[in-house]
Each structure stands twice: as C-alpha cells, then as structure tokens.
Protein backbone atom coordinates (compact mmCIF):
# COMPACT_ATOMS: atom_id res chain seq x y z
CA MET A 1 110.30 114.61 96.14
CA SER A 2 107.44 112.10 96.13
CA TYR A 3 106.21 110.68 92.85
CA SER A 4 102.59 110.22 93.93
CA LEU A 5 100.27 110.65 96.90
CA LEU A 6 100.74 106.98 97.81
CA ALA A 7 104.52 107.46 97.74
CA HIS A 8 104.18 110.53 99.94
CA LEU A 9 102.05 108.68 102.49
CA TYR A 10 104.19 105.53 102.66
CA PRO A 11 106.36 106.63 105.64
CA HIS A 12 103.17 107.14 107.67
CA ILE A 13 101.55 103.78 106.83
CA ARG A 14 102.16 100.74 108.98
CA GLY A 15 103.37 97.78 106.99
CA SER A 16 106.21 96.81 104.69
CA GLN A 17 106.95 98.28 101.27
CA GLU A 18 105.98 94.97 99.69
CA ASP A 19 102.65 94.78 101.56
CA ILE A 20 101.53 98.17 100.29
CA ALA A 21 102.49 97.37 96.70
CA THR A 22 100.88 93.92 96.89
CA TYR A 23 97.54 95.15 98.21
CA SER A 24 97.57 97.95 95.62
CA LEU A 25 98.15 95.48 92.80
CA GLN A 26 95.52 93.08 94.13
CA TYR A 27 93.01 95.93 94.37
CA LEU A 28 93.57 96.86 90.71
CA LEU A 29 93.14 93.27 89.58
CA SER A 30 89.90 92.96 91.57
CA GLN A 31 88.40 96.12 90.08
CA SER A 32 88.75 95.32 86.39
CA LYS A 33 88.24 92.07 84.53
CA ALA A 34 90.31 93.45 81.64
CA LEU A 35 93.27 94.13 83.94
CA ASN A 36 92.87 90.71 85.51
CA ILE A 37 92.85 89.00 82.12
CA ALA A 38 95.92 90.92 80.94
CA PHE A 39 97.88 90.28 84.14
CA THR A 40 96.95 86.60 84.27
CA LYS A 41 97.93 86.08 80.63
CA ARG A 42 101.20 87.91 81.17
CA ILE A 43 102.31 85.83 84.14
CA ALA A 44 101.16 82.64 82.39
CA ASP A 45 103.34 83.60 79.42
CA ILE A 46 106.34 84.37 81.65
CA ILE A 47 106.21 81.06 83.54
CA HIS A 48 104.94 79.06 80.54
CA ILE A 49 101.76 77.62 82.05
CA LYS A 50 98.15 77.35 80.93
CA THR A 51 95.54 78.75 83.26
CA GLU A 52 92.01 80.13 83.32
CA GLU A 53 91.31 83.48 81.69
CA THR A 54 91.00 85.16 85.08
CA LEU A 55 92.09 84.19 88.57
CA LEU A 56 90.95 85.36 91.97
CA TYR A 57 93.95 87.07 93.53
CA VAL A 58 94.22 87.06 97.33
CA CYS A 59 96.94 88.42 99.60
CA GLN A 60 98.90 86.85 102.44
CA ALA A 61 97.41 83.33 102.24
CA THR A 62 99.17 81.45 105.05
CA GLY A 63 100.22 77.86 104.37
CA LYS A 64 99.03 74.92 106.45
CA GLY A 65 102.47 73.40 107.00
CA GLU A 66 104.86 73.89 109.89
CA GLU A 67 106.64 76.74 108.08
CA LYS A 68 103.45 78.87 107.98
CA GLU A 69 104.72 80.37 104.75
CA ARG A 70 102.79 83.38 103.50
CA PRO A 71 103.37 84.39 99.87
CA ASP A 72 102.39 87.93 99.02
CA MET A 73 99.67 87.03 96.52
CA ALA A 74 98.02 83.83 95.31
CA GLY A 75 95.96 83.32 92.17
CA LEU A 76 93.02 80.94 92.73
CA ASN A 77 91.10 79.16 89.96
CA MET A 78 87.31 78.70 89.87
CA GLU A 79 87.62 75.70 92.20
CA GLY A 80 89.45 77.79 94.79
CA LYS A 81 92.79 76.05 94.25
CA GLU A 82 96.05 77.97 94.05
CA GLU A 83 97.39 77.91 90.50
CA VAL A 84 100.09 80.56 90.91
CA LEU A 85 101.90 82.32 93.73
CA CYS A 86 103.32 85.81 93.32
CA GLU A 87 106.09 87.12 95.53
CA ILE A 88 106.45 90.90 95.52
CA LYS A 89 109.96 92.19 96.10
CA PHE A 90 111.71 95.52 96.32
CA TYR A 91 115.01 95.32 98.21
CA ALA A 92 114.24 93.02 101.14
CA THR A 93 116.24 89.81 101.29
CA LEU A 94 114.71 86.43 100.52
CA THR A 95 113.17 84.64 103.48
CA ALA A 96 113.89 81.07 104.51
CA ASN A 97 110.73 79.96 102.66
CA GLN A 98 111.66 81.59 99.36
CA PRO A 99 111.50 79.97 96.93
CA ILE A 100 111.71 76.30 98.02
CA THR A 101 108.81 76.17 100.50
CA TYR A 102 106.57 78.01 98.04
CA LEU A 103 107.47 75.59 95.26
CA ASP A 104 106.73 72.65 97.57
CA ARG A 105 103.39 74.20 98.48
CA LEU A 106 102.43 74.42 94.82
CA ASN A 107 103.54 70.86 94.21
CA ASP A 108 101.56 69.54 97.16
CA ASN A 109 98.39 71.31 96.09
CA GLY A 110 98.43 70.85 92.34
CA GLY A 111 99.66 74.37 91.60
CA LYS A 112 101.54 75.43 88.51
CA GLY A 113 103.93 78.31 89.00
CA LEU A 114 105.70 80.89 91.18
CA LEU A 115 106.47 84.39 89.93
CA PHE A 116 108.78 86.95 91.53
CA VAL A 117 108.20 90.65 90.78
CA CYS A 118 111.09 93.01 91.55
CA PRO A 119 112.70 96.32 90.46
CA ALA A 120 114.57 96.14 87.16
CA ILE A 121 117.87 96.98 88.83
CA ARG A 122 117.57 93.92 91.07
CA ARG A 123 116.39 91.44 88.46
CA THR A 124 119.74 89.92 87.44
CA ASN A 125 121.07 89.35 90.97
CA LEU A 126 117.75 88.13 92.38
CA TRP A 127 117.26 85.68 89.53
CA ALA A 128 120.77 84.31 89.99
CA LYS A 129 120.11 83.85 93.71
CA LEU A 130 116.78 82.09 93.09
CA LYS A 131 118.39 79.64 90.69
CA GLU A 132 121.20 79.01 93.13
CA LEU A 133 118.71 78.18 95.90
CA CYS A 134 117.03 75.67 93.58
CA SER A 135 120.29 74.04 92.49
CA MET A 136 119.73 70.93 94.62
CA ARG A 137 116.40 70.25 92.89
CA LYS A 138 115.65 68.92 89.42
CA ILE A 139 115.86 71.98 87.17
CA GLU A 140 114.96 72.48 83.53
CA GLU A 141 115.89 75.75 81.86
CA ILE A 142 112.88 77.12 79.95
CA ASP A 143 114.16 80.56 78.94
CA GLU A 144 116.12 83.45 80.44
CA ASN A 145 113.25 84.34 82.79
CA CYS A 146 111.88 80.90 83.65
CA ILE A 147 113.02 77.52 84.95
CA MET A 148 111.11 74.37 85.85
CA VAL A 149 111.84 73.12 89.38
CA ASP A 150 110.53 69.65 90.19
CA GLY A 151 107.72 70.21 87.69
CA ILE A 152 106.75 73.70 88.97
CA SER A 153 107.51 76.81 86.92
CA LEU A 154 109.56 79.56 88.55
CA GLY A 155 109.87 82.90 86.79
CA ILE A 156 110.74 86.54 87.29
CA THR A 157 109.55 89.88 85.94
CA THR A 158 109.87 93.55 86.88
CA TRP A 159 107.58 96.16 88.32
CA ASN A 160 108.10 98.29 85.24
CA GLU A 161 106.84 95.51 82.95
CA ILE A 162 103.74 94.91 85.09
CA ILE A 163 102.85 98.59 85.47
CA THR A 164 103.41 99.31 81.77
CA LEU A 165 101.06 96.45 80.91
CA LEU A 166 98.36 97.68 83.31
CA LYS A 167 98.62 101.26 82.06
CA ASN A 168 98.32 100.24 78.44
CA VAL A 169 95.21 98.14 79.11
CA ALA A 170 93.57 100.68 81.41
CA SER A 171 94.10 103.54 78.96
CA SER A 172 91.66 101.91 76.55
CA VAL A 173 89.23 99.81 78.61
CA ALA A 174 89.52 100.94 82.24
CA ILE A 175 90.11 104.68 82.15
CA GLU A 176 88.81 105.11 85.69
CA LEU A 177 91.75 103.09 87.03
CA VAL A 178 94.55 104.95 85.22
CA SER A 179 95.10 107.34 88.12
CA ASP A 180 95.23 104.43 90.58
CA ILE A 181 97.86 102.70 88.47
CA GLN A 182 99.83 105.94 88.38
CA GLN A 183 99.70 106.00 92.18
CA LEU A 184 101.30 102.55 92.28
CA GLU A 185 103.82 103.55 89.64
CA GLY A 186 104.80 106.63 91.63
CA TYR A 187 105.15 104.54 94.75
CA CYS A 188 107.46 102.06 93.00
CA ASN A 189 109.53 104.94 91.64
CA GLN A 190 109.88 106.36 95.14
CA ILE A 191 111.08 103.02 96.49
CA ASP A 192 113.66 102.82 93.70
CA ASN A 193 114.69 106.40 94.37
CA ASP A 194 115.34 105.66 98.05
CA ALA A 195 116.96 102.27 97.53
CA PHE A 196 120.55 101.43 98.42
CA ILE A 197 122.33 100.30 95.27
CA PRO A 198 124.98 97.64 96.07
CA PHE A 199 128.62 98.58 95.48
CA SER A 200 130.53 97.19 92.53
CA ALA A 201 134.31 97.02 92.26
CA GLY A 202 134.33 100.13 90.10
CA ASP A 203 132.36 102.10 92.68
CA ILE A 204 135.13 101.91 95.28
CA SER A 205 138.07 102.51 92.96
CA ALA A 206 140.35 105.55 93.10
CA GLU A 207 139.06 106.45 89.65
CA MET A 208 135.57 106.82 91.09
CA ALA A 209 136.92 109.24 93.72
CA ASN A 210 138.43 111.36 90.96
CA LYS A 211 135.18 111.30 88.99
CA GLY A 212 133.20 112.47 92.01
CA GLU A 213 135.50 115.46 92.42
CA ARG A 214 134.57 116.82 88.98
CA TYR A 215 131.18 118.19 90.05
CA TYR A 216 132.76 120.34 92.76
CA GLN A 217 135.50 121.50 90.40
CA VAL A 218 132.96 122.72 87.86
CA ILE A 219 131.00 124.72 90.47
CA ASP A 220 134.18 126.40 91.77
CA GLU A 221 135.53 127.09 88.29
CA VAL A 222 132.28 128.75 87.14
CA ILE A 223 132.33 131.05 90.17
CA GLU A 224 135.96 132.00 89.47
CA LEU A 225 135.20 132.68 85.81
CA PHE A 226 132.47 135.14 86.76
CA CYS A 227 134.74 136.86 89.30
CA ALA A 228 137.47 137.22 86.68
CA ASP A 229 135.11 138.62 84.02
CA LYS A 230 135.51 142.43 83.90
CA ASN A 231 132.12 142.73 82.21
CA HIS A 232 130.44 141.86 85.51
CA GLN A 233 130.52 143.43 88.95
CA THR A 234 130.77 140.53 91.40
CA SER A 235 131.22 139.95 95.09
CA LYS A 236 131.61 136.85 97.26
CA LYS A 237 131.30 138.85 100.50
CA GLY A 238 129.16 137.08 103.07
CA VAL A 239 128.73 133.89 101.02
CA LYS A 240 130.75 130.71 101.20
CA ALA A 241 131.02 127.31 99.61
CA THR A 242 128.74 124.83 101.37
CA GLY A 243 128.65 121.07 101.09
CA TYR A 244 125.57 119.11 102.12
CA ARG A 245 124.53 115.47 102.01
CA LYS A 246 123.11 115.57 98.48
CA GLY A 247 125.44 118.09 96.90
CA TYR A 248 127.42 121.32 96.92
CA THR A 249 126.47 124.99 96.52
CA ARG A 250 128.12 128.37 95.80
CA SER A 251 126.46 131.78 95.59
CA LEU A 252 127.60 135.06 94.04
CA TYR A 253 126.45 138.69 93.96
CA ILE A 254 126.53 139.84 90.36
CA ASP A 255 125.40 143.08 88.68
CA GLY A 256 122.93 143.95 91.43
CA MET A 257 121.48 140.42 91.51
CA THR A 258 122.54 137.10 92.99
CA PHE A 259 122.69 133.51 91.84
CA THR A 260 123.08 130.21 93.63
CA LEU A 261 124.81 127.44 91.69
CA ASN A 262 124.21 123.87 92.86
CA TYR A 263 125.46 120.40 92.18
CA ASP A 264 122.50 118.45 93.60
CA ARG A 265 121.73 114.74 93.30
CA ASP A 266 118.05 115.03 94.21
CA MET A 267 117.42 117.48 91.36
CA TRP A 268 119.62 115.39 89.09
CA LYS A 269 117.55 112.20 89.51
CA ASN A 270 114.12 113.84 89.26
CA PRO A 271 112.48 111.81 86.44
CA GLU A 272 110.28 114.74 85.43
CA CYS A 273 113.24 116.94 84.47
CA VAL A 274 116.28 116.89 82.21
CA GLU A 275 119.13 114.79 83.56
CA THR A 276 121.84 117.13 84.78
CA PRO A 277 123.75 117.54 88.06
CA PHE A 278 123.97 121.35 87.76
CA TRP A 279 121.21 123.87 88.57
CA VAL A 280 121.09 127.61 89.16
CA ALA A 281 118.66 129.91 91.00
CA ILE A 282 118.75 133.60 89.97
CA ARG A 283 117.34 136.20 92.34
CA LYS A 284 117.23 139.89 93.09
CA GLY A 285 120.00 141.48 95.10
CA ASP A 286 118.03 140.96 98.29
CA TRP A 287 118.02 137.18 97.62
CA ASP A 288 114.33 137.20 96.75
CA GLN A 289 112.47 135.80 93.75
CA ASP A 290 109.52 138.18 93.70
CA ASP A 291 106.24 137.60 91.83
CA ARG A 292 107.50 139.39 88.71
CA MET A 293 110.64 137.29 88.51
CA ILE A 294 108.69 134.10 89.20
CA GLU A 295 106.34 135.00 86.34
CA LYS A 296 109.31 135.42 84.00
CA HIS A 297 110.28 131.81 84.70
CA ASN A 298 107.14 130.76 82.81
CA VAL A 299 109.05 131.07 79.53
CA PHE A 300 111.18 128.05 80.45
CA PRO A 301 109.95 124.49 79.79
CA GLU A 302 108.68 122.67 82.86
CA ASN A 303 111.30 119.96 82.52
CA ARG A 304 114.07 122.56 82.87
CA LYS A 305 113.07 123.97 86.26
CA GLN A 306 112.50 122.71 89.79
CA ILE A 307 111.46 124.14 93.12
CA PHE A 308 114.24 123.61 95.65
CA TRP A 309 114.89 125.42 98.93
CA GLY A 310 111.80 127.51 98.16
CA MET A 311 113.35 128.86 94.93
CA ILE A 312 113.05 128.10 91.24
CA PHE A 313 116.22 126.45 89.96
CA LEU A 314 117.00 126.20 86.24
CA ALA A 315 118.85 123.37 84.50
CA LEU A 316 122.44 123.73 83.35
CA GLU A 317 123.56 120.96 81.01
CA PRO A 318 127.33 120.36 80.85
CA LYS A 319 129.13 119.69 77.60
CA GLN A 320 130.48 116.18 77.23
CA ASN A 321 133.95 114.98 76.21
CA VAL A 322 135.58 118.39 76.69
CA THR A 323 137.98 119.93 79.22
CA LEU A 324 137.10 121.47 82.59
CA ALA A 325 137.68 124.93 81.16
CA GLU A 326 135.30 124.31 78.25
CA VAL A 327 132.58 122.81 80.46
CA SER A 328 132.81 125.69 82.93
CA GLU A 329 132.84 128.40 80.27
CA ASP A 330 129.74 126.91 78.63
CA ILE A 331 127.86 126.72 81.94
CA LYS A 332 128.82 130.36 82.60
CA ASN A 333 127.32 131.25 79.20
CA GLN A 334 124.10 129.38 80.04
CA ILE A 335 123.77 131.32 83.30
CA GLU A 336 124.34 134.61 81.45
CA ARG A 337 121.54 133.74 79.00
CA TYR A 338 119.22 133.07 81.94
CA PHE A 339 120.20 136.47 83.36
CA GLU A 340 119.25 138.20 80.12
CA ILE A 341 115.75 136.77 80.33
CA LEU A 342 115.21 137.28 84.08
CA LYS A 343 116.92 140.58 84.87
C-alpha cells in the first residue's frame, strides 16, 4: 500500500528519492515563517551553532570548485551566504564529496554547519561512517549527534524528528500545511517500507530459519484443527496451500462458507493496523463477500481489517510465550468468533 498520494506517485516521477523529499521540505519551509523558524532553530540546536531566526533554503546549489559538489539544501542568511548545508538521505550511499568536500565548502565561505537527515533505522551506521570519514581531520566531540570538524559543526538527525516538529508547529499556526506535511510523512514511510534492511549475524543464523518456519506451521495447524473438529463440516477439495513472495495462504470450506487464512508480511507491516502476521477472510460458499457480508464487517474496528486481494481480511493476534498447539487453538477460536458475527 501507499501511505500518501505523493508516495503513490513516486514511481512515476523522474528524480531520486532524496530529490523529491528535499524539494518537498524546501517548499514547506518557504510557505510558512513559523515552520522556517522552528526548523532553523532545531538544526541550530542539533549542530550547536547560532544563526538568524530564519534562513532562505535553496536546493541543489552547485559549488564553484572542481568537484562541483551539490548538497541537497543550503540555508542562506540575509547576506546570501551559506550558513548551513543539509544533506537528505534515505538509503543511497555517501558520495565522494560527503562529508569532506561539503565541510571544506563551508570553511571556505564562512559557513557554520552541515546536517545529515536520514531514516531512524540508518542513523547509527550512517553517523559512524561520517565520523570515520572525518577521522583524518581535527575532530571535537560535542555530543552524541554532533562533532566539530576543523571548526565546522557536523550533525545528524532523522526524518521522524523533522516531520514530528513540522507537524506540531503546523497544527497550531499553519493548519493549511498539515496535509502537505502528511504527504511528505507518507512518502518517507513508503521509502522505509520498501527499503532493504542490511543483514546482521543473527539474520542468517540457523535459529532464524527455524523462527521463519513458525508462521507456516501455525497456518497448517489451524487448518488441521478445523478439519479434525467434528462440530464443523469441512472440506479441502479443490484448494491447496500456496506460498507467495510476501507470505503463505490456506483456504477451507466450512459449514457452507469458506475462509482464507494468510500469513502476510504486507498486512503485518501496515502502520494503520494492529501488528500481526495472521489474517483471515471469511466468505460465502461461492467465495464471495456480498454487500450484506461486507456491511457486517462494519462492527470491527478499522485497525483490525484490511482490503487484500479484493477481500476484507480480519486480524488474528497470536498468543505469546505458549506452544504451537496453544497458539493454533486460540487462532481457531478467534476465527470461530468472526464466523458467529458474519454468518
């Protein structure tokens, strides 16, 4: 799913992920003095500099040196001089100019600081890499998010911190921009959702392989529990277990109706719904969710249902710290309660 219209349109827009986010942020700062003041103060606090109340933020200002460096966004003071440079990152690697050439540019032109903005999940590794690249320069540790490199401040923050700040300010003094900030927030969420998360040692262990198997075991066990229950008339005729890139699914005819039980990672990571890997869609015997059945789904909270494969799926939350049998029996009971409401 897409988290906003901007996120939905991204694949069809020419330009990098960072460019779109940068121009969106610059637009917001140009539309509201209050947002500009709040953002400027925040980055000044992060990199421990003093600056004017507002700055003029411009994008892609190419340097005059041989490197032709082009930081994503520059903050200019009233005299038109660059006081801060902002480099917008998602998951692209650092370029040859980052951060040393940018720091030199600031030093040569009387600037004060360089700020990197990145996803929270990348913050630790990116910050370690930035400090490593500066290790041959004179460094002074200011705090956990800021160092001084040859007299220029270098700091880091996250997209979540910036967007939270902008939303809080806009909600009271720039209401008309709240929806625009939400567009940017949705876009950042989509980028995080699609990102490749680097492997750790634990991710490629045999233990991880065993853990991944659990989701499939639960699906199969729930199906077998229903088939073994003499209180239900069930049939697996014409349906089969199916694995797909984002999960695993089993269906079952039961008491004149059908249900489809999924382990699905897309539904699992939907931020608008409860966090669970297991979801069920209950339908009539002809595999249809007609208007009457769809209307009955209105009794369930919005965060417990999702549209997937053209059907309404309902959340199934597994018990924790119990055996496979206990987890599966409880999920079976949850499905039966859904049946009582929908049949």
